PDB file of all heavy atoms in Angstrom:
ATOM      1  N   ALA A   1       3.228  -7.191   2.509  1.00  0.00           N
ATOM      2  CA  ALA A   1       2.264  -7.869   1.642  1.00  0.00           C
ATOM      3  C   ALA A   1       2.911  -9.089   1.016  1.00  0.00           C
ATOM      4  O   ALA A   1       4.143  -9.196   0.947  1.00  0.00           O
ATOM      5  CB  ALA A   1       1.747  -6.919   0.556  1.00  0.00           C
ATOM      6  N   ALA A   2       2.069  -9.995   0.554  1.00  0.00           N
ATOM      7  CA  ALA A   2       2.537 -11.226  -0.072  1.00  0.00           C
ATOM      8  C   ALA A   2       2.381 -11.148  -1.591  1.00  0.00           C
ATOM      9  O   ALA A   2       1.540 -10.406  -2.101  1.00  0.00           O
ATOM     10  CB  ALA A   2       1.745 -12.414   0.464  1.00  0.00           C
ATOM     11  N   ASN A   3       3.181 -11.920  -2.280  1.00  0.00           N
ATOM     12  CA  ASN A   3       3.135 -11.979  -3.739  1.00  0.00           C
ATOM     13  C   ASN A   3       2.037 -12.937  -4.173  1.00  0.00           C
ATOM     14  O   ASN A   3       2.142 -14.148  -4.004  1.00  0.00           O
ATOM     15  CB  ASN A   3       4.496 -12.454  -4.279  1.00  0.00           C
ATOM     16  CG  ASN A   3       4.519 -12.557  -5.797  1.00  0.00           C
ATOM     17  OD1 ASN A   3       3.495 -12.484  -6.462  1.00  0.00           O
ATOM     18  ND2 ASN A   3       5.707 -12.733  -6.353  1.00  0.00           N
ATOM     19  N   TYR A   4       0.978 -12.380  -4.739  1.00  0.00           N
ATOM     20  CA  TYR A   4      -0.079 -13.184  -5.355  1.00  0.00           C
ATOM     21  C   TYR A   4      -0.104 -12.816  -6.838  1.00  0.00           C
ATOM     22  O   TYR A   4      -0.424 -11.683  -7.196  1.00  0.00           O
ATOM     23  CB  TYR A   4      -1.439 -12.879  -4.730  1.00  0.00           C
ATOM     24  CG  TYR A   4      -1.697 -13.489  -3.368  1.00  0.00           C
ATOM     25  CD1 TYR A   4      -0.663 -13.964  -2.563  1.00  0.00           C
ATOM     26  CD2 TYR A   4      -2.989 -13.590  -2.877  1.00  0.00           C
ATOM     27  CE1 TYR A   4      -0.905 -14.529  -1.324  1.00  0.00           C
ATOM     28  CE2 TYR A   4      -3.242 -14.154  -1.630  1.00  0.00           C
ATOM     29  CZ  TYR A   4      -2.195 -14.619  -0.859  1.00  0.00           C
ATOM     30  OH  TYR A   4      -2.449 -15.167   0.382  1.00  0.00           O
ATOM     31  N   TYR A   5       0.240 -13.754  -7.689  1.00  0.00           N
ATOM     32  CA  TYR A   5       0.232 -13.527  -9.135  1.00  0.00           C
ATOM     33  C   TYR A   5       1.114 -12.341  -9.539  1.00  0.00           C
ATOM     34  O   TYR A   5       0.763 -11.529 -10.387  1.00  0.00           O
ATOM     35  CB  TYR A   5      -1.198 -13.323  -9.652  1.00  0.00           C
ATOM     36  CG  TYR A   5      -2.060 -14.552  -9.541  1.00  0.00           C
ATOM     37  CD1 TYR A   5      -2.889 -14.740  -8.437  1.00  0.00           C
ATOM     38  CD2 TYR A   5      -2.045 -15.533 -10.522  1.00  0.00           C
ATOM     39  CE1 TYR A   5      -3.671 -15.870  -8.315  1.00  0.00           C
ATOM     40  CE2 TYR A   5      -2.831 -16.669 -10.422  1.00  0.00           C
ATOM     41  CZ  TYR A   5      -3.645 -16.842  -9.312  1.00  0.00           C
ATOM     42  OH  TYR A   5      -4.424 -17.959  -9.198  1.00  0.00           O
ATOM     43  N   SER A   6       2.247 -12.228  -8.886  1.00  0.00           N
ATOM     44  CA  SER A   6       3.271 -11.220  -9.205  1.00  0.00           C
ATOM     45  C   SER A   6       2.855  -9.796  -8.873  1.00  0.00           C
ATOM     46  O   SER A   6       3.451  -8.840  -9.384  1.00  0.00           O
ATOM     47  CB  SER A   6       3.702 -11.314 -10.677  1.00  0.00           C
ATOM     48  OG  SER A   6       4.313 -12.573 -10.932  1.00  0.00           O
ATOM     49  N   VAL A   7       1.845  -9.643  -8.035  1.00  0.00           N
ATOM     50  CA  VAL A   7       1.503  -8.331  -7.465  1.00  0.00           C
ATOM     51  C   VAL A   7       1.201  -8.546  -5.986  1.00  0.00           C
ATOM     52  O   VAL A   7       1.085  -9.691  -5.520  1.00  0.00           O
ATOM     53  CB  VAL A   7       0.286  -7.676  -8.153  1.00  0.00           C
ATOM     54  CG1 VAL A   7       0.588  -7.367  -9.603  1.00  0.00           C
ATOM     55  CG2 VAL A   7      -0.945  -8.575  -8.057  1.00  0.00           C
ATOM     56  N   LEU A   8       1.071  -7.463  -5.240  1.00  0.00           N
ATOM     57  CA  LEU A   8       0.727  -7.629  -3.832  1.00  0.00           C
ATOM     58  C   LEU A   8      -0.671  -8.217  -3.707  1.00  0.00           C
ATOM     59  O   LEU A   8      -1.538  -7.998  -4.561  1.00  0.00           O
ATOM     60  CB  LEU A   8       0.848  -6.322  -3.066  1.00  0.00           C
ATOM     61  CG  LEU A   8      -0.281  -5.288  -3.108  1.00  0.00           C
ATOM     62  CD1 LEU A   8      -0.045  -4.211  -2.060  1.00  0.00           C
ATOM     63  CD2 LEU A   8      -0.433  -4.654  -4.477  1.00  0.00           C
ATOM     64  N   ASN A   9      -0.901  -8.987  -2.645  1.00  0.00           N
ATOM     65  CA  ASN A   9      -2.177  -9.673  -2.480  1.00  0.00           C
ATOM     66  C   ASN A   9      -3.338  -8.692  -2.374  1.00  0.00           C
ATOM     67  O   ASN A   9      -3.182  -7.537  -1.988  1.00  0.00           O
ATOM     68  CB  ASN A   9      -2.142 -10.595  -1.248  1.00  0.00           C
ATOM     69  CG  ASN A   9      -1.951  -9.829   0.051  1.00  0.00           C
ATOM     70  OD1 ASN A   9      -0.858  -9.375   0.356  1.00  0.00           O
ATOM     71  ND2 ASN A   9      -3.014  -9.674   0.827  1.00  0.00           N
ATOM     72  N   GLY A  10      -4.528  -9.175  -2.724  1.00  0.00           N
ATOM     73  CA  GLY A  10      -5.692  -8.306  -2.867  1.00  0.00           C
ATOM     74  C   GLY A  10      -6.093  -7.565  -1.610  1.00  0.00           C
ATOM     75  O   GLY A  10      -6.495  -6.395  -1.676  1.00  0.00           O
ATOM     76  N   LEU A  11      -6.014  -8.206  -0.448  1.00  0.00           N
ATOM     77  CA  LEU A  11      -6.395  -7.553   0.800  1.00  0.00           C
ATOM     78  C   LEU A  11      -5.505  -6.349   1.080  1.00  0.00           C
ATOM     79  O   LEU A  11      -5.989  -5.272   1.468  1.00  0.00           O
ATOM     80  CB  LEU A  11      -6.326  -8.558   1.952  1.00  0.00           C
ATOM     81  CG  LEU A  11      -6.717  -8.074   3.341  1.00  0.00           C
ATOM     82  CD1 LEU A  11      -8.157  -7.561   3.359  1.00  0.00           C
ATOM     83  CD2 LEU A  11      -6.553  -9.199   4.363  1.00  0.00           C
ATOM     84  N   ALA A  12      -4.199  -6.522   0.866  1.00  0.00           N
ATOM     85  CA  ALA A  12      -3.263  -5.410   1.046  1.00  0.00           C
ATOM     86  C   ALA A  12      -3.537  -4.305   0.036  1.00  0.00           C
ATOM     87  O   ALA A  12      -3.471  -3.108   0.357  1.00  0.00           O
ATOM     88  CB  ALA A  12      -1.826  -5.906   0.917  1.00  0.00           C
ATOM     89  N   HIS A  13      -3.852  -4.698  -1.195  1.00  0.00           N
ATOM     90  CA  HIS A  13      -4.133  -3.704  -2.238  1.00  0.00           C
ATOM     91  C   HIS A  13      -5.365  -2.882  -1.880  1.00  0.00           C
ATOM     92  O   HIS A  13      -5.364  -1.638  -2.010  1.00  0.00           O
ATOM     93  CB  HIS A  13      -4.322  -4.404  -3.588  1.00  0.00           C
ATOM     94  CG  HIS A  13      -4.126  -3.519  -4.767  1.00  0.00           C
ATOM     95  ND1 HIS A  13      -5.026  -2.533  -5.112  1.00  0.00           N
ATOM     96  CD2 HIS A  13      -3.138  -3.459  -5.688  1.00  0.00           C
ATOM     97  CE1 HIS A  13      -4.593  -1.910  -6.203  1.00  0.00           C
ATOM     98  NE2 HIS A  13      -3.444  -2.445  -6.571  1.00  0.00           N
ATOM     99  N   CYS A  14      -6.422  -3.552  -1.413  1.00  0.00           N
ATOM    100  CA  CYS A  14      -7.633  -2.827  -1.025  1.00  0.00           C
ATOM    101  C   CYS A  14      -7.345  -1.854   0.113  1.00  0.00           C
ATOM    102  O   CYS A  14      -7.818  -0.706   0.102  1.00  0.00           O
ATOM    103  CB  CYS A  14      -8.720  -3.816  -0.608  1.00  0.00           C
ATOM    104  SG  CYS A  14      -9.435  -4.757  -1.965  1.00  0.00           S
ATOM    105  N   PHE A  15      -6.578  -2.301   1.096  1.00  0.00           N
ATOM    106  CA  PHE A  15      -6.203  -1.439   2.220  1.00  0.00           C
ATOM    107  C   PHE A  15      -5.502  -0.181   1.728  1.00  0.00           C
ATOM    108  O   PHE A  15      -5.839   0.938   2.134  1.00  0.00           O
ATOM    109  CB  PHE A  15      -5.306  -2.228   3.168  1.00  0.00           C
ATOM    110  CG  PHE A  15      -4.759  -1.439   4.328  1.00  0.00           C
ATOM    111  CD1 PHE A  15      -5.534  -1.207   5.454  1.00  0.00           C
ATOM    112  CD2 PHE A  15      -3.462  -0.950   4.302  1.00  0.00           C
ATOM    113  CE1 PHE A  15      -5.022  -0.495   6.541  1.00  0.00           C
ATOM    114  CE2 PHE A  15      -2.946  -0.243   5.377  1.00  0.00           C
ATOM    115  CZ  PHE A  15      -3.732  -0.007   6.495  1.00  0.00           C
ATOM    116  N   LEU A  16      -4.543  -0.333   0.837  1.00  0.00           N
ATOM    117  CA  LEU A  16      -3.779   0.816   0.356  1.00  0.00           C
ATOM    118  C   LEU A  16      -4.590   1.676  -0.611  1.00  0.00           C
ATOM    119  O   LEU A  16      -4.403   2.902  -0.656  1.00  0.00           O
ATOM    120  CB  LEU A  16      -2.479   0.335  -0.294  1.00  0.00           C
ATOM    121  CG  LEU A  16      -1.447  -0.227   0.700  1.00  0.00           C
ATOM    122  CD1 LEU A  16      -0.305  -0.914  -0.038  1.00  0.00           C
ATOM    123  CD2 LEU A  16      -0.916   0.863   1.609  1.00  0.00           C
ATOM    124  N   GLU A  17      -5.488   1.071  -1.369  1.00  0.00           N
ATOM    125  CA  GLU A  17      -6.378   1.870  -2.226  1.00  0.00           C
ATOM    126  C   GLU A  17      -7.182   2.867  -1.402  1.00  0.00           C
ATOM    127  O   GLU A  17      -7.429   3.998  -1.836  1.00  0.00           O
ATOM    128  CB  GLU A  17      -7.371   0.962  -2.965  1.00  0.00           C
ATOM    129  CG  GLU A  17      -6.841   0.284  -4.206  1.00  0.00           C
ATOM    130  CD  GLU A  17      -7.945  -0.467  -4.935  1.00  0.00           C
ATOM    131  OE1 GLU A  17      -9.132  -0.113  -4.779  1.00  0.00           O
ATOM    132  OE2 GLU A  17      -7.610  -1.410  -5.668  1.00  0.00           O
ATOM    133  N   ARG A  18      -7.553   2.452  -0.223  1.00  0.00           N
ATOM    134  CA  ARG A  18      -8.419   3.292   0.610  1.00  0.00           C
ATOM    135  C   ARG A  18      -7.678   4.478   1.215  1.00  0.00           C
ATOM    136  O   ARG A  18      -8.300   5.370   1.815  1.00  0.00           O
ATOM    137  CB  ARG A  18      -9.081   2.436   1.688  1.00  0.00           C
ATOM    138  CG  ARG A  18      -9.967   1.324   1.125  1.00  0.00           C
ATOM    139  CD  ARG A  18     -11.318   1.815   0.712  1.00  0.00           C
ATOM    140  NE  ARG A  18     -12.099   2.121   1.882  1.00  0.00           N
ATOM    141  CZ  ARG A  18     -12.724   1.190   2.626  1.00  0.00           C
ATOM    142  NH1 ARG A  18     -12.677  -0.080   2.288  1.00  0.00           N
ATOM    143  NH2 ARG A  18     -13.417   1.562   3.672  1.00  0.00           N
ATOM    144  N   PHE A  19      -6.363   4.535   1.014  1.00  0.00           N
ATOM    145  CA  PHE A  19      -5.605   5.734   1.379  1.00  0.00           C
ATOM    146  C   PHE A  19      -6.007   6.921   0.508  1.00  0.00           C
ATOM    147  O   PHE A  19      -5.635   8.060   0.794  1.00  0.00           O
ATOM    148  CB  PHE A  19      -4.104   5.476   1.247  1.00  0.00           C
ATOM    149  CG  PHE A  19      -3.474   4.787   2.426  1.00  0.00           C
ATOM    150  CD1 PHE A  19      -4.149   3.808   3.141  1.00  0.00           C
ATOM    151  CD2 PHE A  19      -2.186   5.103   2.817  1.00  0.00           C
ATOM    152  CE1 PHE A  19      -3.552   3.162   4.218  1.00  0.00           C
ATOM    153  CE2 PHE A  19      -1.577   4.469   3.890  1.00  0.00           C
ATOM    154  CZ  PHE A  19      -2.267   3.502   4.596  1.00  0.00           C
ATOM    155  N   TYR A  20      -6.765   6.652  -0.535  1.00  0.00           N
ATOM    156  CA  TYR A  20      -7.254   7.726  -1.408  1.00  0.00           C
ATOM    157  C   TYR A  20      -7.999   8.790  -0.605  1.00  0.00           C
ATOM    158  O   TYR A  20      -8.007   9.979  -0.967  1.00  0.00           O
ATOM    159  CB  TYR A  20      -8.168   7.130  -2.480  1.00  0.00           C
ATOM    160  CG  TYR A  20      -8.652   8.105  -3.516  1.00  0.00           C
ATOM    161  CD1 TYR A  20      -7.758   8.808  -4.337  1.00  0.00           C
ATOM    162  CD2 TYR A  20     -10.019   8.327  -3.705  1.00  0.00           C
ATOM    163  CE1 TYR A  20      -8.214   9.693  -5.299  1.00  0.00           C
ATOM    164  CE2 TYR A  20     -10.483   9.210  -4.665  1.00  0.00           C
ATOM    165  CZ  TYR A  20      -9.573   9.894  -5.454  1.00  0.00           C
ATOM    166  OH  TYR A  20     -10.025  10.773  -6.413  1.00  0.00           O
ATOM    167  N   GLN A  21      -8.600   8.383   0.490  1.00  0.00           N
ATOM    168  CA  GLN A  21      -9.370   9.316   1.317  1.00  0.00           C
ATOM    169  C   GLN A  21      -8.528  10.455   1.888  1.00  0.00           C
ATOM    170  O   GLN A  21      -9.072  11.498   2.262  1.00  0.00           O
ATOM    171  CB  GLN A  21     -10.044   8.572   2.470  1.00  0.00           C
ATOM    172  CG  GLN A  21      -9.076   7.977   3.478  1.00  0.00           C
ATOM    173  CD  GLN A  21      -9.781   7.166   4.557  1.00  0.00           C
ATOM    174  OE1 GLN A  21     -10.449   7.719   5.430  1.00  0.00           O
ATOM    175  NE2 GLN A  21      -9.641   5.850   4.484  1.00  0.00           N
ATOM    176  N   PHE A  22      -7.213  10.267   1.938  1.00  0.00           N
ATOM    177  CA  PHE A  22      -6.349  11.268   2.560  1.00  0.00           C
ATOM    178  C   PHE A  22      -5.809  12.308   1.566  1.00  0.00           C
ATOM    179  O   PHE A  22      -5.117  13.236   1.972  1.00  0.00           O
ATOM    180  CB  PHE A  22      -5.157  10.587   3.236  1.00  0.00           C
ATOM    181  CG  PHE A  22      -5.536   9.589   4.293  1.00  0.00           C
ATOM    182  CD1 PHE A  22      -5.296   8.241   4.108  1.00  0.00           C
ATOM    183  CD2 PHE A  22      -6.140   9.998   5.479  1.00  0.00           C
ATOM    184  CE1 PHE A  22      -5.635   7.307   5.082  1.00  0.00           C
ATOM    185  CE2 PHE A  22      -6.491   9.081   6.460  1.00  0.00           C
ATOM    186  CZ  PHE A  22      -6.244   7.732   6.254  1.00  0.00           C
ATOM    187  N   ARG A  23      -6.126  12.161   0.294  1.00  0.00           N
ATOM    188  CA  ARG A  23      -5.421  12.928  -0.738  1.00  0.00           C
ATOM    189  C   ARG A  23      -6.122  14.222  -1.157  1.00  0.00           C
ATOM    190  O   ARG A  23      -5.535  15.025  -1.884  1.00  0.00           O
ATOM    191  CB  ARG A  23      -5.234  12.054  -1.983  1.00  0.00           C
ATOM    192  CG  ARG A  23      -4.258  10.920  -1.786  1.00  0.00           C
ATOM    193  CD  ARG A  23      -4.278   9.947  -2.972  1.00  0.00           C
ATOM    194  NE  ARG A  23      -4.184  10.599  -4.252  1.00  0.00           N
ATOM    195  CZ  ARG A  23      -3.053  10.963  -4.855  1.00  0.00           C
ATOM    196  NH1 ARG A  23      -1.899  10.759  -4.240  1.00  0.00           N
ATOM    197  NH2 ARG A  23      -3.053  11.532  -6.040  1.00  0.00           N
ATOM    198  N   HIS A  24      -7.337  14.450  -0.758  1.00  0.00           N
ATOM    199  CA  HIS A  24      -8.126  15.538  -1.337  1.00  0.00           C
ATOM    200  C   HIS A  24      -7.794  16.902  -0.748  1.00  0.00           C
ATOM    201  O   HIS A  24      -7.441  17.030   0.422  1.00  0.00           O
ATOM    202  CB  HIS A  24      -9.618  15.247  -1.157  1.00  0.00           C
ATOM    203  CG  HIS A  24     -10.016  13.904  -1.685  1.00  0.00           C
ATOM    204  ND1 HIS A  24      -9.897  13.557  -3.003  1.00  0.00           N
ATOM    205  CD2 HIS A  24     -10.480  12.801  -1.052  1.00  0.00           C
ATOM    206  CE1 HIS A  24     -10.294  12.308  -3.172  1.00  0.00           C
ATOM    207  NE2 HIS A  24     -10.642  11.826  -2.004  1.00  0.00           N
ATOM    208  N   GLN A  25      -7.946  17.927  -1.590  1.00  0.00           N
ATOM    209  CA  GLN A  25      -7.760  19.317  -1.178  1.00  0.00           C
ATOM    210  C   GLN A  25      -6.453  19.502  -0.405  1.00  0.00           C
ATOM    211  O   GLN A  25      -6.423  20.103   0.682  1.00  0.00           O
ATOM    212  CB  GLN A  25      -8.963  19.776  -0.336  1.00  0.00           C
ATOM    213  CG  GLN A  25     -10.288  19.633  -1.081  1.00  0.00           C
ATOM    214  CD  GLN A  25     -11.438  20.265  -0.349  1.00  0.00           C
ATOM    215  OE1 GLN A  25     -11.392  21.453  -0.025  1.00  0.00           O
ATOM    216  NE2 GLN A  25     -12.484  19.498  -0.087  1.00  0.00           N
ATOM    217  N   GLU A  26      -5.407  18.966  -0.988  1.00  0.00           N
ATOM    218  CA  GLU A  26      -4.072  19.075  -0.414  1.00  0.00           C
ATOM    219  C   GLU A  26      -4.021  18.521   1.012  1.00  0.00           C
ATOM    220  O   GLU A  26      -3.374  19.086   1.900  1.00  0.00           O
ATOM    221  CB  GLU A  26      -3.586  20.534  -0.443  1.00  0.00           C
ATOM    222  CG  GLU A  26      -3.505  21.095  -1.860  1.00  0.00           C
ATOM    223  CD  GLU A  26      -2.969  22.510  -1.896  1.00  0.00           C
ATOM    224  OE1 GLU A  26      -2.355  22.941  -0.901  1.00  0.00           O
ATOM    225  OE2 GLU A  26      -3.156  23.180  -2.925  1.00  0.00           O
ATOM    226  N   GLY A  27      -4.699  17.407   1.227  1.00  0.00           N
ATOM    227  CA  GLY A  27      -4.694  16.767   2.537  1.00  0.00           C
ATOM    228  C   GLY A  27      -3.278  16.432   2.973  1.00  0.00           C
ATOM    229  O   GLY A  27      -2.473  15.926   2.196  1.00  0.00           O
ATOM    230  N   LYS A  28      -2.961  16.705   4.225  1.00  0.00           N
ATOM    231  CA  LYS A  28      -1.594  16.550   4.729  1.00  0.00           C
ATOM    232  C   LYS A  28      -1.452  15.433   5.762  1.00  0.00           C
ATOM    233  O   LYS A  28      -0.416  15.333   6.421  1.00  0.00           O
ATOM    234  CB  LYS A  28      -1.132  17.875   5.364  1.00  0.00           C
ATOM    235  CG  LYS A  28      -1.173  19.073   4.437  1.00  0.00           C
ATOM    236  CD  LYS A  28      -0.199  18.921   3.264  1.00  0.00           C
ATOM    237  CE  LYS A  28      -0.178  20.168   2.406  1.00  0.00           C
ATOM    238  NZ  LYS A  28       0.720  20.017   1.230  1.00  0.00           N
ATOM    239  N   ALA A  29      -2.459  14.584   5.894  1.00  0.00           N
ATOM    240  CA  ALA A  29      -2.432  13.580   6.963  1.00  0.00           C
ATOM    241  C   ALA A  29      -1.261  12.617   6.844  1.00  0.00           C
ATOM    242  O   ALA A  29      -0.742  12.132   7.851  1.00  0.00           O
ATOM    243  CB  ALA A  29      -3.746  12.796   6.981  1.00  0.00           C
ATOM    244  N   LEU A  30      -0.821  12.326   5.625  1.00  0.00           N
ATOM    245  CA  LEU A  30       0.252  11.354   5.415  1.00  0.00           C
ATOM    246  C   LEU A  30       1.524  11.968   4.843  1.00  0.00           C
ATOM    247  O   LEU A  30       2.571  11.314   4.837  1.00  0.00           O
ATOM    248  CB  LEU A  30      -0.220  10.241   4.469  1.00  0.00           C
ATOM    249  CG  LEU A  30      -1.542   9.540   4.799  1.00  0.00           C
ATOM    250  CD1 LEU A  30      -1.799   8.420   3.801  1.00  0.00           C
ATOM    251  CD2 LEU A  30      -1.545   9.008   6.213  1.00  0.00           C
ATOM    252  N   VAL A  31       1.441  13.174   4.367  1.00  0.00           N
ATOM    253  CA  VAL A  31       2.557  13.797   3.654  1.00  0.00           C
ATOM    254  C   VAL A  31       3.790  13.925   4.539  1.00  0.00           C
ATOM    255  O   VAL A  31       3.721  14.418   5.672  1.00  0.00           O
ATOM    256  CB  VAL A  31       2.152  15.185   3.124  1.00  0.00           C
ATOM    257  CG1 VAL A  31       3.361  15.898   2.520  1.00  0.00           C
ATOM    258  CG2 VAL A  31       1.051  15.049   2.083  1.00  0.00           C
ATOM    259  N   GLY A  32       4.923  13.447   4.031  1.00  0.00           N
ATOM    260  CA  GLY A  32       6.183  13.575   4.738  1.00  0.00           C
ATOM    261  C   GLY A  32       6.465  12.488   5.750  1.00  0.00           C
ATOM    262  O   GLY A  32       7.538  12.478   6.366  1.00  0.00           O
ATOM    263  N   LYS A  33       5.526  11.565   5.927  1.00  0.00           N
ATOM    264  CA  LYS A  33       5.782  10.465   6.846  1.00  0.00           C
ATOM    265  C   LYS A  33       6.720   9.448   6.192  1.00  0.00           C
ATOM    266  O   LYS A  33       7.008   9.521   4.992  1.00  0.00           O
ATOM    267  CB  LYS A  33       4.467   9.812   7.267  1.00  0.00           C
ATOM    268  CG  LYS A  33       3.601  10.757   8.111  1.00  0.00           C
ATOM    269  CD  LYS A  33       2.362  10.086   8.662  1.00  0.00           C
ATOM    270  CE  LYS A  33       1.579  11.057   9.530  1.00  0.00           C
ATOM    271  NZ  LYS A  33       0.394  10.431  10.177  1.00  0.00           N
ATOM    272  N   LEU A  34       7.198   8.503   6.988  1.00  0.00           N
ATOM    273  CA  LEU A  34       8.174   7.529   6.502  1.00  0.00           C
ATOM    274  C   LEU A  34       7.538   6.156   6.386  1.00  0.00           C
ATOM    275  O   LEU A  34       6.578   5.828   7.076  1.00  0.00           O
ATOM    276  CB  LEU A  34       9.366   7.455   7.458  1.00  0.00           C
ATOM    277  CG  LEU A  34      10.107   8.761   7.735  1.00  0.00           C
ATOM    278  CD1 LEU A  34      11.246   8.527   8.721  1.00  0.00           C
ATOM    279  CD2 LEU A  34      10.638   9.361   6.440  1.00  0.00           C
ATOM    280  N   GLY A  35       8.089   5.337   5.481  1.00  0.00           N
ATOM    281  CA  GLY A  35       7.561   4.001   5.291  1.00  0.00           C
ATOM    282  C   GLY A  35       8.648   2.988   4.992  1.00  0.00           C
ATOM    283  O   GLY A  35       9.712   3.327   4.468  1.00  0.00           O
ATOM    284  N   VAL A  36       8.376   1.755   5.348  1.00  0.00           N
ATOM    285  CA  VAL A  36       9.215   0.608   5.013  1.00  0.00           C
ATOM    286  C   VAL A  36       8.334  -0.398   4.284  1.00  0.00           C
ATOM    287  O   VAL A  36       7.210  -0.674   4.727  1.00  0.00           O
ATOM    288  CB  VAL A  36       9.824  -0.038   6.274  1.00  0.00           C
ATOM    289  CG1 VAL A  36      10.451  -1.388   5.937  1.00  0.00           C
ATOM    290  CG2 VAL A  36      10.854   0.889   6.899  1.00  0.00           C
ATOM    291  N   ALA A  37       8.819  -0.937   3.187  1.00  0.00           N
ATOM    292  CA  ALA A  37       8.069  -1.907   2.394  1.00  0.00           C
ATOM    293  C   ALA A  37       8.605  -3.315   2.652  1.00  0.00           C
ATOM    294  O   ALA A  37       9.814  -3.540   2.580  1.00  0.00           O
ATOM    295  CB  ALA A  37       8.165  -1.568   0.915  1.00  0.00           C
ATOM    296  N   VAL A  38       7.701  -4.236   2.949  1.00  0.00           N
ATOM    297  CA  VAL A  38       8.060  -5.616   3.258  1.00  0.00           C
ATOM    298  C   VAL A  38       7.369  -6.540   2.268  1.00  0.00           C
ATOM    299  O   VAL A  38       6.144  -6.471   2.097  1.00  0.00           O
ATOM    300  CB  VAL A  38       7.635  -5.976   4.695  1.00  0.00           C
ATOM    301  CG1 VAL A  38       7.853  -7.469   4.962  1.00  0.00           C
ATOM    302  CG2 VAL A  38       8.399  -5.131   5.711  1.00  0.00           C
ATOM    303  N   GLY A  39       8.138  -7.395   1.615  1.00  0.00           N
ATOM    304  CA  GLY A  39       7.574  -8.312   0.636  1.00  0.00           C
ATOM    305  C   GLY A  39       7.870  -9.759   0.969  1.00  0.00           C
ATOM    306  O   GLY A  39       8.949 -10.074   1.482  1.00  0.00           O
ATOM    307  N   VAL A  40       6.919 -10.633   0.671  1.00  0.00           N
ATOM    308  CA  VAL A  40       7.069 -12.069   0.910  1.00  0.00           C
ATOM    309  C   VAL A  40       6.497 -12.820  -0.282  1.00  0.00           C
ATOM    310  O   VAL A  40       5.483 -12.408  -0.861  1.00  0.00           O
ATOM    311  CB  VAL A  40       6.338 -12.497   2.200  1.00  0.00           C
ATOM    312  CG1 VAL A  40       6.296 -14.015   2.330  1.00  0.00           C
ATOM    313  CG2 VAL A  40       7.007 -11.890   3.424  1.00  0.00           C
ATOM    314  N   GLY A  41       7.141 -13.908  -0.646  1.00  0.00           N
ATOM    315  CA  GLY A  41       6.608 -14.734  -1.716  1.00  0.00           C
ATOM    316  C   GLY A  41       7.297 -16.075  -1.770  1.00  0.00           C
ATOM    317  O   GLY A  41       8.453 -16.205  -1.364  1.00  0.00           O
ATOM    318  N   GLY A  42       6.572 -17.078  -2.262  1.00  0.00           N
ATOM    319  CA  GLY A  42       7.209 -18.360  -2.504  1.00  0.00           C
ATOM    320  C   GLY A  42       8.289 -18.218  -3.548  1.00  0.00           C
ATOM    321  O   GLY A  42       9.333 -18.858  -3.507  1.00  0.00           O
ATOM    322  N   GLY A  43       8.038 -17.344  -4.507  1.00  0.00           N
ATOM    323  CA  GLY A  43       9.008 -16.918  -5.509  1.00  0.00           C
ATOM    324  C   GLY A  43       8.834 -15.429  -5.716  1.00  0.00           C
ATOM    325  O   GLY A  43       7.752 -14.882  -5.504  1.00  0.00           O
ATOM    326  N   MET A  44       9.857 -14.752  -6.097  1.00  0.00           N
ATOM    327  CA  MET A  44       9.838 -13.313  -6.371  1.00  0.00           C
ATOM    328  C   MET A  44       9.216 -12.494  -5.232  1.00  0.00           C
ATOM    329  O   MET A  44       8.235 -11.769  -5.432  1.00  0.00           O
ATOM    330  CB  MET A  44       9.115 -13.033  -7.684  1.00  0.00           C
ATOM    331  CG  MET A  44       9.765 -13.660  -8.895  1.00  0.00           C
ATOM    332  SD  MET A  44       8.959 -13.213 -10.454  1.00  0.00           S
ATOM    333  CE  MET A  44       7.382 -14.054 -10.277  1.00  0.00           C
TER     334      MET A  44
END
């Protein structure tokens, strides 16, 4: 994601917000998986 106003850009935020669908009733679709975070910005 890119740095927009010192937070991740809105499109990326909306995408990750929608991961909420996986969390209910002890949903295991994502649990225990691995991730790498990539950041880009003109500054910070």
